[in-house]
Amino acid sequence: GCGWPLCSEECGESVGQHARECQLFQIHSTRFNIDDYKATCPSYNTIIVLRLLWLRDNEHVTWGMIDMLMDHLEDDKELTKPERAAVDFIRNHCKLKQFSEGEILHIMGIVDTNSYIIGENPNKNVDLQGLFPITSIINHSCMANTVCFARQDFSFVCRAVTDIEEGEELTTNYLYYSYHFFGLSYRAPELEDFWHFKCTCARCSSCTELGTLADSLLCTGCVSGRLTPLTVEEQDSDWVCRECGTTRQARVVANTVNHWWNVIEEAPKNDVTVCMELLDQLGGIFDQNHYYVMEIKRRVVENIGNTPEFEYQDLAVIWLQKKVEFCKEHLALQKVLAPGLSEYRAYISLHLAEAMFWLAKKKYMVKQMTRELVIKTMEEVSEHLLIVINIWGLYRRGSSERMRAEEAQSLLEKVNVEFLQDGVVETADLGLVETVLEMSN
């Protein structure tokens, strides 16, 4: 064999994925001497590229599906060091001259543009990538009607998160769910820089983010007005208050937005006190739904119950109330900006359920809540937990999403044992298999 870690006698029988590159190496008797199989090696970065190049001469139909994907290469762009190293390794070290520099770069561009992170190594310091040609052609929308994820066997699933009408285009959100409430000022350059397109979904076409004002500033010319772009069609459009007519140049608004983003980034993410102080400052500049304000509230939500001095068991009721308040504000935004069974919904529902559980339990223990009300609250907690399990329960074991679904399952059992005793837990797993649409690649 070739000497790479996955090489075995099975390679000669063309069994397993490694047989692809092993077959290519054998053309020129290329071998490798790997001293430490547990350490990463730069040449491993070419594995997915080699396996895709192998398709060109061996699986023409699949190759055609891969070859049509966008690579977003720039003709006049100078090669990066990793690109140069990959081309040199494949063409010179491995002696695979049948693949031109252009073909290698084309495949690398396709991988960079279209592949998904489907897992990680046991040490969680190397991401595992997968390229799925059918799901890769699903377009982006900031209000997507599907979500794509890897299951335990690394098969890829495209699942509906909202009702989809016959003939409606399937879309997915390319941005990580913790950015789904971020405004156009963030989304537009992010999508342009990484995926090279301008989104024209309903949300990106709305100057007010569908009425949520998630990307608006307080007007300095009147008390109640908000500054929003005059038009989203032009990047340098003035911002205007539609109540008093005050205008600000896009450059001035950008300077304000960039300044406060730097302040937010420099602030310690795990310090609840600092976050609350920053909230007061942001409240004098931005609308209450602005994504900067909501990001700080998300950090507070994340920290309450999960950091020292803010653990649930000994937490003061006032902080639990604050977490519930912030979660419900996020949930109101989610219903408009990322509707349905979105990952943003799962994330907020889990935090909300935890806070509501502990708040109701603490109040009930000191007789500040009746048995009837605590039961009603725990039923609402269960509904949120079932949503989390329904959304994330099918994800690959070991993934952060699946672990959160398991946390939801554990809390659901706790709610059932301590308060409900009505068999809610027994029905939880049934929600995992509903509304699943698999796309075979």
Protein backbone atom coordinates (compact mmCIF):
# COMPACT_ATOMS: atom_id res chain seq x y z
CA GLY A 1 0.00 0.00 0.00
CA CYS A 2 0.87 3.67 0.13
CA GLY A 3 1.69 3.86 3.84
CA TRP A 4 -0.98 6.38 4.81
CA PRO A 5 -2.78 5.62 8.09
CA LEU A 6 -5.95 4.27 6.46
CA CYS A 7 -4.09 1.97 4.08
CA SER A 8 -4.67 -1.80 4.41
CA GLU A 9 -5.03 -4.95 2.35
CA GLU A 10 -8.58 -3.87 1.53
CA CYS A 11 -7.18 -1.13 -0.71
CA GLY A 12 -6.17 -3.77 -3.25
CA GLU A 13 -9.79 -4.86 -3.38
CA SER A 14 -10.98 -1.27 -3.95
CA VAL A 15 -12.85 -1.32 -0.66
CA GLY A 16 -13.33 1.85 1.38
CA GLN A 17 -12.85 5.53 0.58
CA HIS A 18 -9.05 5.42 0.97
CA ALA A 19 -8.86 3.00 -1.95
CA ARG A 20 -9.36 6.00 -4.24
CA GLU A 21 -6.15 7.89 -3.42
CA CYS A 22 -4.29 4.62 -2.79
CA GLN A 23 -5.13 3.57 -6.34
CA LEU A 24 -3.74 6.86 -7.64
CA PHE A 25 -0.53 6.52 -5.60
CA GLN A 26 0.10 3.05 -6.96
CA ILE A 27 0.35 4.39 -10.51
CA HIS A 28 3.85 5.70 -9.72
CA SER A 29 4.53 3.53 -6.62
CA THR A 30 4.28 6.56 -4.34
CA ARG A 31 4.78 5.72 -0.66
CA PHE A 32 4.71 7.72 2.58
CA ASN A 33 6.57 7.28 5.83
CA ILE A 34 4.34 8.44 8.66
CA ASP A 35 6.10 8.44 12.04
CA ASP A 36 3.19 9.51 14.23
CA TYR A 37 -0.26 8.40 13.15
CA LYS A 38 -1.88 10.55 15.88
CA ALA A 39 -0.37 13.79 14.62
CA THR A 40 -1.81 15.84 11.78
CA CYS A 41 0.15 16.00 8.54
CA PRO A 42 -0.08 18.81 5.93
CA SER A 43 -0.49 16.31 3.10
CA TYR A 44 -3.73 15.06 4.68
CA ASN A 45 -5.32 18.33 3.52
CA THR A 46 -5.27 16.95 -0.03
CA ILE A 47 -7.25 13.79 0.76
CA ILE A 48 -10.68 15.16 -0.15
CA VAL A 49 -9.18 16.82 -3.25
CA LEU A 50 -7.62 13.55 -4.41
CA ARG A 51 -10.81 11.60 -3.82
CA LEU A 52 -12.77 14.08 -5.89
CA LEU A 53 -10.19 14.14 -8.68
CA TRP A 54 -10.35 10.34 -8.79
CA LEU A 55 -14.01 10.65 -9.81
CA ARG A 56 -13.03 12.30 -13.09
CA ASP A 57 -11.85 9.04 -14.65
CA ASN A 58 -13.87 6.55 -12.60
CA GLU A 59 -17.37 7.86 -11.82
CA HIS A 60 -18.39 10.19 -14.61
CA VAL A 61 -21.93 10.94 -13.41
CA THR A 62 -20.79 11.96 -9.91
CA TRP A 63 -17.89 13.91 -11.38
CA GLY A 64 -20.30 15.85 -13.56
CA MET A 65 -22.35 16.82 -10.49
CA ILE A 66 -19.19 17.97 -8.68
CA ASP A 67 -17.62 19.74 -11.65
CA MET A 68 -20.67 21.98 -12.14
CA LEU A 69 -20.42 23.49 -8.64
CA MET A 70 -19.09 27.03 -8.20
CA ASP A 71 -15.43 27.42 -7.20
CA HIS A 72 -15.33 31.25 -6.98
CA LEU A 73 -11.73 31.34 -8.19
CA GLU A 74 -10.32 34.63 -9.39
CA ASP A 75 -8.23 34.42 -12.56
CA ASP A 76 -5.77 37.11 -11.47
CA LYS A 77 -5.43 36.00 -7.86
CA GLU A 78 -1.99 34.91 -6.70
CA LEU A 79 -1.89 31.39 -5.24
CA THR A 80 -1.89 31.13 -1.46
CA LYS A 81 0.75 29.08 0.31
CA PRO A 82 -1.69 26.17 1.04
CA GLU A 83 -2.87 26.18 -2.60
CA ARG A 84 0.70 26.13 -3.90
CA ALA A 85 1.62 23.34 -1.48
CA ALA A 86 -1.38 21.21 -2.53
CA VAL A 87 -0.65 21.58 -6.24
CA ASP A 88 3.02 20.75 -5.68
CA PHE A 89 2.18 17.71 -3.53
CA ILE A 90 -0.29 16.24 -6.03
CA ARG A 91 1.59 16.96 -9.25
CA ASN A 92 5.21 16.62 -8.16
CA HIS A 93 5.46 14.53 -4.99
CA CYS A 94 2.68 12.13 -6.01
CA LYS A 95 3.60 12.49 -9.72
CA LEU A 96 -0.07 12.80 -10.73
CA LYS A 97 0.60 15.00 -13.75
CA GLN A 98 -2.71 13.92 -15.34
CA PHE A 99 -4.38 16.52 -13.13
CA SER A 100 -3.61 20.06 -14.22
CA GLU A 101 -3.01 22.91 -11.81
CA GLY A 102 -6.32 24.40 -12.95
CA GLU A 103 -8.25 21.20 -12.17
CA ILE A 104 -6.71 20.93 -8.71
CA LEU A 105 -7.49 24.56 -7.88
CA HIS A 106 -10.99 24.15 -9.29
CA ILE A 107 -11.67 21.24 -6.91
CA MET A 108 -10.13 23.08 -3.97
CA GLY A 109 -12.38 26.05 -4.72
CA ILE A 110 -15.42 23.78 -4.90
CA VAL A 111 -14.55 22.25 -1.53
CA ASP A 112 -14.00 25.65 0.10
CA THR A 113 -17.27 27.02 -1.30
CA ASN A 114 -19.62 24.04 -1.03
CA SER A 115 -18.48 21.59 1.63
CA TYR A 116 -20.07 21.20 5.05
CA ILE A 117 -18.49 20.54 8.44
CA ILE A 118 -19.92 17.13 9.36
CA GLY A 119 -17.86 16.27 12.45
CA GLU A 120 -14.49 16.46 14.09
CA ASN A 121 -11.68 14.15 15.19
CA PRO A 122 -11.67 12.73 18.76
CA ASN A 123 -9.40 15.56 19.93
CA LYS A 124 -11.81 18.09 18.39
CA ASN A 125 -8.95 20.01 16.77
CA VAL A 126 -9.59 18.94 13.17
CA ASP A 127 -12.91 19.45 11.36
CA LEU A 128 -14.26 16.71 9.10
CA GLN A 129 -15.60 18.01 5.79
CA GLY A 130 -18.12 16.44 3.48
CA LEU A 131 -19.16 17.45 -0.02
CA PHE A 132 -22.73 16.56 -0.98
CA PRO A 133 -23.43 17.61 -4.58
CA ILE A 134 -27.23 17.75 -4.29
CA THR A 135 -27.46 19.67 -1.03
CA SER A 136 -24.64 21.93 -2.24
CA ILE A 137 -26.90 23.41 -4.92
CA ILE A 138 -29.52 24.52 -2.38
CA ASN A 139 -29.48 28.30 -2.35
CA HIS A 140 -29.16 30.46 0.73
CA SER A 141 -31.95 32.44 2.35
CA CYS A 142 -31.79 34.37 5.60
CA MET A 143 -35.30 32.98 6.21
CA ALA A 144 -34.58 29.42 5.09
CA ASN A 145 -37.26 26.73 4.89
CA THR A 146 -34.84 23.83 5.47
CA VAL A 147 -31.85 22.92 7.60
CA CYS A 148 -29.05 20.53 6.56
CA PHE A 149 -27.11 18.34 9.00
CA ALA A 150 -25.07 15.15 9.31
CA ARG A 151 -26.37 12.03 11.02
CA GLN A 152 -24.47 9.31 12.85
CA ASP A 153 -23.43 7.48 9.67
CA PHE A 154 -22.35 10.82 8.11
CA SER A 155 -25.26 10.72 5.69
CA PHE A 156 -26.61 14.19 5.08
CA VAL A 157 -30.19 15.24 5.70
CA CYS A 158 -32.13 18.19 4.38
CA ARG A 159 -35.09 18.76 6.69
CA ALA A 160 -38.03 21.14 6.34
CA VAL A 161 -38.32 23.70 9.14
CA THR A 162 -41.44 25.42 7.81
CA ASP A 163 -44.38 24.39 5.65
CA ILE A 164 -43.24 24.34 2.02
CA GLU A 165 -45.69 24.97 -0.79
CA GLU A 166 -45.62 22.88 -3.94
CA GLY A 167 -43.15 24.45 -6.36
CA GLU A 168 -41.51 26.60 -3.68
CA GLU A 169 -37.72 26.72 -3.81
CA LEU A 170 -35.86 24.86 -1.07
CA THR A 171 -33.45 27.17 0.75
CA THR A 172 -31.06 26.85 3.66
CA ASN A 173 -29.16 29.35 5.78
CA TYR A 174 -25.41 29.34 5.19
CA LEU A 175 -24.75 31.28 8.40
CA TYR A 176 -24.36 29.59 11.78
CA TYR A 177 -27.57 29.74 13.82
CA SER A 178 -26.16 32.08 16.47
CA TYR A 179 -25.97 34.73 13.72
CA HIS A 180 -29.51 34.26 12.41
CA PHE A 181 -30.77 37.36 14.21
CA PHE A 182 -27.89 39.53 13.00
CA GLY A 183 -28.76 42.50 10.80
CA LEU A 184 -28.04 43.16 7.14
CA SER A 185 -25.00 45.27 8.08
CA TYR A 186 -23.38 42.01 9.19
CA ARG A 187 -24.98 39.48 6.83
CA ALA A 188 -24.37 41.27 3.52
CA PRO A 189 -20.55 41.53 3.76
CA GLU A 190 -20.31 38.07 5.34
CA LEU A 191 -22.19 36.42 2.47
CA GLU A 192 -20.25 38.44 -0.10
CA ASP A 193 -16.84 37.65 1.41
CA PHE A 194 -17.35 33.91 1.91
CA TRP A 195 -19.89 32.94 -0.76
CA HIS A 196 -19.58 35.79 -3.27
CA PHE A 197 -23.22 36.71 -3.71
CA LYS A 198 -25.77 39.31 -2.63
CA CYS A 199 -28.81 37.84 -0.91
CA THR A 200 -32.18 39.10 -2.17
CA CYS A 201 -34.49 37.20 0.20
CA ALA A 202 -37.52 38.97 1.69
CA ARG A 203 -35.58 39.89 4.79
CA CYS A 204 -32.60 41.33 2.92
CA SER A 205 -35.00 43.29 0.73
CA SER A 206 -36.58 44.98 3.74
CA CYS A 207 -35.13 48.22 5.10
CA THR A 208 -36.67 47.47 8.49
CA GLU A 209 -35.77 43.75 8.69
CA LEU A 210 -39.47 42.88 8.24
CA GLY A 211 -40.51 45.44 10.81
CA THR A 212 -38.27 44.14 13.60
CA LEU A 213 -35.78 47.03 13.30
CA ALA A 214 -33.01 44.51 13.98
CA ASP A 215 -30.52 46.75 12.16
CA SER A 216 -31.65 50.26 13.11
CA LEU A 217 -30.20 53.14 15.14
CA LEU A 218 -32.00 55.59 17.38
CA CYS A 219 -32.73 58.87 15.62
CA THR A 220 -30.91 61.83 17.16
CA GLY A 221 -33.35 64.25 15.61
CA CYS A 222 -36.50 63.08 17.39
CA VAL A 223 -37.48 60.95 20.36
CA SER A 224 -39.26 58.00 18.80
CA GLY A 225 -37.80 57.63 15.29
CA ARG A 226 -35.35 55.03 14.00
CA LEU A 227 -32.66 55.35 11.34
CA THR A 228 -32.86 52.69 8.63
CA PRO A 229 -31.39 52.54 5.10
CA LEU A 230 -33.27 54.60 2.55
CA THR A 231 -32.87 51.62 0.23
CA VAL A 232 -31.16 48.23 0.52
CA GLU A 233 -30.36 48.22 -3.19
CA GLU A 234 -27.36 50.52 -2.74
CA GLN A 235 -24.65 49.75 -0.20
CA ASP A 236 -23.81 53.43 0.32
CA SER A 237 -27.44 54.53 0.72
CA ASP A 238 -28.17 57.24 3.29
CA TRP A 239 -29.97 56.24 6.46
CA VAL A 240 -33.18 58.13 7.20
CA CYS A 241 -35.70 58.56 10.00
CA ARG A 242 -39.14 58.14 8.47
CA GLU A 243 -40.73 60.11 11.30
CA CYS A 244 -38.75 63.37 11.27
CA GLY A 245 -36.73 63.07 8.05
CA THR A 246 -33.31 63.20 9.71
CA THR A 247 -30.64 61.60 7.49
CA ARG A 248 -27.18 60.21 8.12
CA GLN A 249 -24.59 59.30 5.52
CA ALA A 250 -23.83 55.58 5.19
CA ARG A 251 -20.21 56.31 6.10
CA VAL A 252 -21.21 57.92 9.39
CA VAL A 253 -23.52 55.03 10.27
CA ALA A 254 -20.80 52.51 9.35
CA ASN A 255 -18.32 54.27 11.63
CA THR A 256 -20.79 54.06 14.52
CA VAL A 257 -21.57 50.40 13.83
CA ASN A 258 -17.90 49.46 13.51
CA HIS A 259 -16.93 51.33 16.67
CA TRP A 260 -19.48 49.56 18.82
CA TRP A 261 -18.68 46.18 17.27
CA ASN A 262 -15.09 46.66 18.38
CA VAL A 263 -16.32 47.53 21.87
CA ILE A 264 -18.46 44.39 21.94
CA GLU A 265 -15.63 42.18 20.70
CA GLU A 266 -13.23 43.54 23.30
CA ALA A 267 -15.69 43.03 26.17
CA PRO A 268 -15.26 39.78 28.16
CA LYS A 269 -17.96 37.42 26.93
CA ASN A 270 -18.36 35.57 30.24
CA ASP A 271 -18.73 38.58 32.52
CA VAL A 272 -22.46 39.11 33.12
CA THR A 273 -21.92 42.40 34.98
CA VAL A 274 -19.94 43.87 32.07
CA CYS A 275 -22.58 42.66 29.63
CA MET A 276 -25.34 44.37 31.58
CA GLU A 277 -23.36 47.61 31.70
CA LEU A 278 -22.75 47.38 27.95
CA LEU A 279 -26.48 46.87 27.39
CA ASP A 280 -27.17 50.24 29.00
CA GLN A 281 -24.66 51.92 26.68
CA LEU A 282 -26.00 50.25 23.54
CA GLY A 283 -29.56 51.18 24.50
CA GLY A 284 -28.71 54.84 23.93
CA ILE A 285 -27.47 54.22 20.37
CA PHE A 286 -29.45 51.32 18.88
CA ASP A 287 -33.03 50.07 18.77
CA GLN A 288 -33.90 47.50 21.44
CA ASN A 289 -34.09 44.81 18.73
CA HIS A 290 -30.78 45.74 17.10
CA TYR A 291 -28.57 42.71 16.74
CA TYR A 292 -25.83 44.27 18.91
CA VAL A 293 -28.29 44.60 21.78
CA MET A 294 -29.64 41.11 21.18
CA GLU A 295 -26.12 39.65 20.95
CA ILE A 296 -25.27 40.99 24.39
CA LYS A 297 -28.55 39.60 25.69
CA ARG A 298 -27.65 36.26 24.11
CA ARG A 299 -24.33 36.31 25.98
CA VAL A 300 -26.17 36.99 29.23
CA VAL A 301 -28.55 34.11 28.44
CA GLU A 302 -25.59 31.84 27.72
CA ASN A 303 -23.80 32.74 30.96
CA ILE A 304 -26.71 32.54 33.40
CA GLY A 305 -26.72 28.96 34.63
CA ASN A 306 -23.42 28.06 32.97
CA THR A 307 -20.68 30.13 34.59
CA PRO A 308 -19.29 30.31 38.15
CA GLU A 309 -21.39 32.48 40.48
CA PHE A 310 -24.32 32.09 38.08
CA GLU A 311 -25.08 28.38 38.46
CA TYR A 312 -28.76 27.48 38.62
CA GLN A 313 -28.74 25.78 42.01
CA ASP A 314 -27.71 28.91 43.94
CA LEU A 315 -28.89 31.57 41.50
CA ALA A 316 -31.04 34.46 42.67
CA VAL A 317 -34.56 34.61 41.26
CA ILE A 318 -33.93 38.03 39.70
CA TRP A 319 -31.30 36.56 37.35
CA LEU A 320 -33.60 33.71 36.33
CA GLN A 321 -36.29 36.26 35.56
CA LYS A 322 -33.80 38.23 33.49
CA LYS A 323 -32.87 35.12 31.49
CA VAL A 324 -36.53 34.31 30.85
CA GLU A 325 -37.14 37.90 29.74
CA PHE A 326 -34.20 37.94 27.32
CA CYS A 327 -35.11 34.50 25.92
CA LYS A 328 -38.66 35.58 25.20
CA GLU A 329 -37.38 38.67 23.40
CA HIS A 330 -35.19 36.43 21.25
CA LEU A 331 -38.09 34.09 20.64
CA ALA A 332 -40.21 36.98 19.38
CA LEU A 333 -37.47 37.85 16.87
CA GLN A 334 -37.03 34.21 15.87
CA LYS A 335 -40.67 33.90 14.84
CA VAL A 336 -40.13 36.64 12.26
CA LEU A 337 -36.47 36.32 11.23
CA ALA A 338 -35.87 32.54 11.40
CA PRO A 339 -39.36 31.02 11.63
CA GLY A 340 -40.40 27.43 12.22
CA LEU A 341 -38.28 24.62 13.64
CA SER A 342 -35.04 26.48 13.01
CA GLU A 343 -31.84 25.89 14.95
CA TYR A 344 -32.17 29.39 16.40
CA ARG A 345 -35.51 28.24 17.84
CA ALA A 346 -33.90 25.14 19.40
CA TYR A 347 -31.11 27.20 20.94
CA ILE A 348 -33.48 29.71 22.56
CA SER A 349 -36.07 27.12 23.60
CA LEU A 350 -33.48 25.11 25.54
CA HIS A 351 -32.23 28.15 27.45
CA LEU A 352 -35.78 29.33 28.08
CA ALA A 353 -36.87 25.91 29.33
CA GLU A 354 -33.94 25.70 31.77
CA ALA A 355 -34.62 29.16 33.20
CA MET A 356 -38.37 28.60 33.49
CA PHE A 357 -37.83 25.24 35.22
CA TRP A 358 -35.53 26.63 37.90
CA LEU A 359 -37.56 29.81 38.35
CA ALA A 360 -40.80 27.90 38.88
CA LYS A 361 -39.14 25.35 41.12
CA LYS A 362 -37.57 28.00 43.36
CA LYS A 363 -40.81 29.95 43.61
CA TYR A 364 -42.81 26.82 44.38
CA MET A 365 -40.40 25.78 47.13
CA VAL A 366 -40.93 29.07 48.99
CA LYS A 367 -44.69 28.99 48.34
CA GLN A 368 -44.64 31.91 45.86
CA MET A 369 -46.32 29.74 43.21
CA THR A 370 -49.35 27.48 43.50
CA ARG A 371 -49.26 23.80 42.55
CA GLU A 372 -51.65 24.50 39.69
CA LEU A 373 -49.46 27.27 38.28
CA VAL A 374 -46.24 25.30 38.63
CA ILE A 375 -47.80 22.38 36.73
CA LYS A 376 -48.91 24.73 33.97
CA THR A 377 -45.40 26.22 33.81
CA MET A 378 -43.78 22.77 33.66
CA GLU A 379 -46.06 21.80 30.79
CA GLU A 380 -44.78 24.86 28.90
CA VAL A 381 -41.20 23.87 29.81
CA SER A 382 -41.89 20.41 28.37
CA GLU A 383 -43.16 21.89 25.13
CA HIS A 384 -39.93 23.83 24.68
CA LEU A 385 -37.82 20.78 25.47
CA LEU A 386 -39.75 18.64 22.98
CA ILE A 387 -39.05 21.27 20.32
CA VAL A 388 -35.31 21.05 21.07
CA ILE A 389 -35.39 17.25 20.85
CA ASN A 390 -37.40 17.40 17.64
CA ILE A 391 -34.96 19.79 15.98
CA TRP A 392 -31.59 18.49 17.21
CA GLY A 393 -32.30 14.91 18.24
CA LEU A 394 -31.42 13.47 14.82
CA TYR A 395 -27.99 15.07 14.65
CA ARG A 396 -24.81 13.03 14.85
CA ARG A 397 -23.93 11.76 18.33
CA GLY A 398 -21.12 13.81 19.81
CA SER A 399 -22.10 16.96 17.92
CA SER A 400 -22.85 20.02 20.05
CA GLU A 401 -26.43 20.04 18.77
CA ARG A 402 -27.06 16.41 19.64
CA MET A 403 -25.58 16.91 23.10
CA ARG A 404 -28.00 19.78 23.68
CA ALA A 405 -30.87 17.56 22.58
CA GLU A 406 -29.68 15.02 25.14
CA GLU A 407 -29.59 17.75 27.79
CA ALA A 408 -33.18 18.58 26.86
CA GLN A 409 -34.12 14.90 27.18
CA SER A 410 -32.54 14.71 30.66
CA LEU A 411 -34.34 17.84 31.83
CA LEU A 412 -37.61 16.54 30.38
CA GLU A 413 -37.22 13.39 32.45
CA LYS A 414 -36.53 15.52 35.52
CA VAL A 415 -39.65 17.62 34.89
CA ASN A 416 -41.73 14.49 34.45
CA VAL A 417 -40.46 12.80 37.61
CA GLU A 418 -40.69 15.85 39.86
CA PHE A 419 -43.86 17.48 38.59
CA LEU A 420 -45.86 15.89 35.79
CA GLN A 421 -45.73 12.05 35.94
CA ASP A 422 -47.80 11.94 32.75
CA GLY A 423 -45.67 10.05 30.27
CA VAL A 424 -44.38 13.07 28.35
CA VAL A 425 -40.91 11.49 28.22
CA GLU A 426 -42.21 8.33 26.54
CA THR A 427 -43.49 10.40 23.61
CA ALA A 428 -40.35 12.53 23.26
CA ASP A 429 -38.48 10.24 20.89
CA LEU A 430 -41.46 10.10 18.52
CA GLY A 431 -40.81 13.71 17.64
CA LEU A 432 -37.38 12.87 16.31
CA VAL A 433 -38.62 11.23 13.13
CA GLU A 434 -41.25 13.74 12.07
CA THR A 435 -40.96 15.99 9.00
CA VAL A 436 -37.64 14.51 7.88
CA LEU A 437 -36.75 14.81 4.23
CA GLU A 438 -33.64 12.88 3.20
CA MET A 439 -31.80 13.86 0.08
CA SER A 440 -29.83 10.95 -1.31
CA ASN A 441 -26.50 11.98 -2.76
